[in-house]
Amino acid sequence: MTKKSFFYATFIMSIAFLFHAFHSPSTAHAGFFDRVKDIYTAPEKLDEVRERV
C-alpha cells in the first residue's frame, strides 16, 4: 500500500466515522418499537373488533 492510497483510505474512513457519529437516528427505530408494542396489544385489539361485530 502506497502512502497516497493509505492517506485516501484513512481520509475516507474518517469521513465515514464522523458521518456515523453525528448522524441523527432515523425514524425507523421508533416505528420498530411501535410495531413491537402493537404485537403485545394485538389480542386486546382483536377482542375490541370482535365485540363491535
Protein backbone atom coordinates (compact mmCIF):
# COMPACT_ATOMS: atom_id res chain seq x y z
CA MET A 1 0.00 0.00 0.00
CA THR A 2 1.48 3.32 -1.01
CA LYS A 3 1.42 6.41 1.17
CA LYS A 4 -1.08 8.07 -1.15
CA SER A 5 -3.56 5.19 -1.06
CA PHE A 6 -3.12 4.88 2.71
CA PHE A 7 -3.94 8.59 3.06
CA TYR A 8 -7.07 8.22 0.93
CA ALA A 9 -8.23 5.15 2.83
CA THR A 10 -7.68 6.88 6.16
CA PHE A 11 -9.46 10.01 4.93
CA ILE A 12 -12.49 8.07 3.70
CA MET A 13 -12.71 6.05 6.91
CA SER A 14 -12.52 9.27 8.96
CA ILE A 15 -15.34 10.85 6.97
CA ALA A 16 -17.44 7.69 7.35
CA PHE A 17 -16.81 7.61 11.10
CA LEU A 18 -17.72 11.28 11.54
CA PHE A 19 -20.88 10.85 9.48
CA HIS A 20 -21.89 7.84 11.56
CA ALA A 21 -21.06 9.57 14.86
CA PHE A 22 -23.02 12.76 14.17
CA HIS A 23 -25.82 11.46 12.00
CA SER A 24 -29.21 11.73 13.70
CA PRO A 25 -31.09 8.47 14.18
CA SER A 26 -33.76 7.76 11.64
CA THR A 27 -37.44 7.50 12.46
CA ALA A 28 -37.36 3.81 11.57
CA HIS A 29 -36.28 2.95 15.11
CA ALA A 30 -39.41 4.49 16.60
CA GLY A 31 -41.55 2.66 14.06
CA PHE A 32 -39.93 -0.64 15.00
CA PHE A 33 -40.68 -0.21 18.71
CA ASP A 34 -44.23 0.87 17.96
CA ARG A 35 -44.74 -2.32 15.95
CA VAL A 36 -43.34 -4.46 18.76
CA LYS A 37 -45.67 -2.72 21.20
CA ASP A 38 -48.59 -3.34 18.83
CA ILE A 39 -47.81 -7.06 18.78
CA TYR A 40 -48.31 -7.24 22.53
CA THR A 41 -51.57 -5.27 22.40
CA ALA A 42 -52.94 -7.18 19.40
CA PRO A 43 -55.09 -9.62 21.45
CA GLU A 44 -56.88 -6.70 23.14
CA LYS A 45 -57.49 -5.03 19.79
CA LEU A 46 -58.89 -8.27 18.36
CA ASP A 47 -61.32 -8.52 21.27
CA GLU A 48 -62.48 -4.95 20.58
CA VAL A 49 -63.09 -5.74 16.91
CA ARG A 50 -64.99 -8.91 17.77
CA GLU A 51 -67.24 -7.00 20.19
CA ARG A 52 -68.13 -4.45 17.51
CA VAL A 53 -69.24 -7.12 15.03
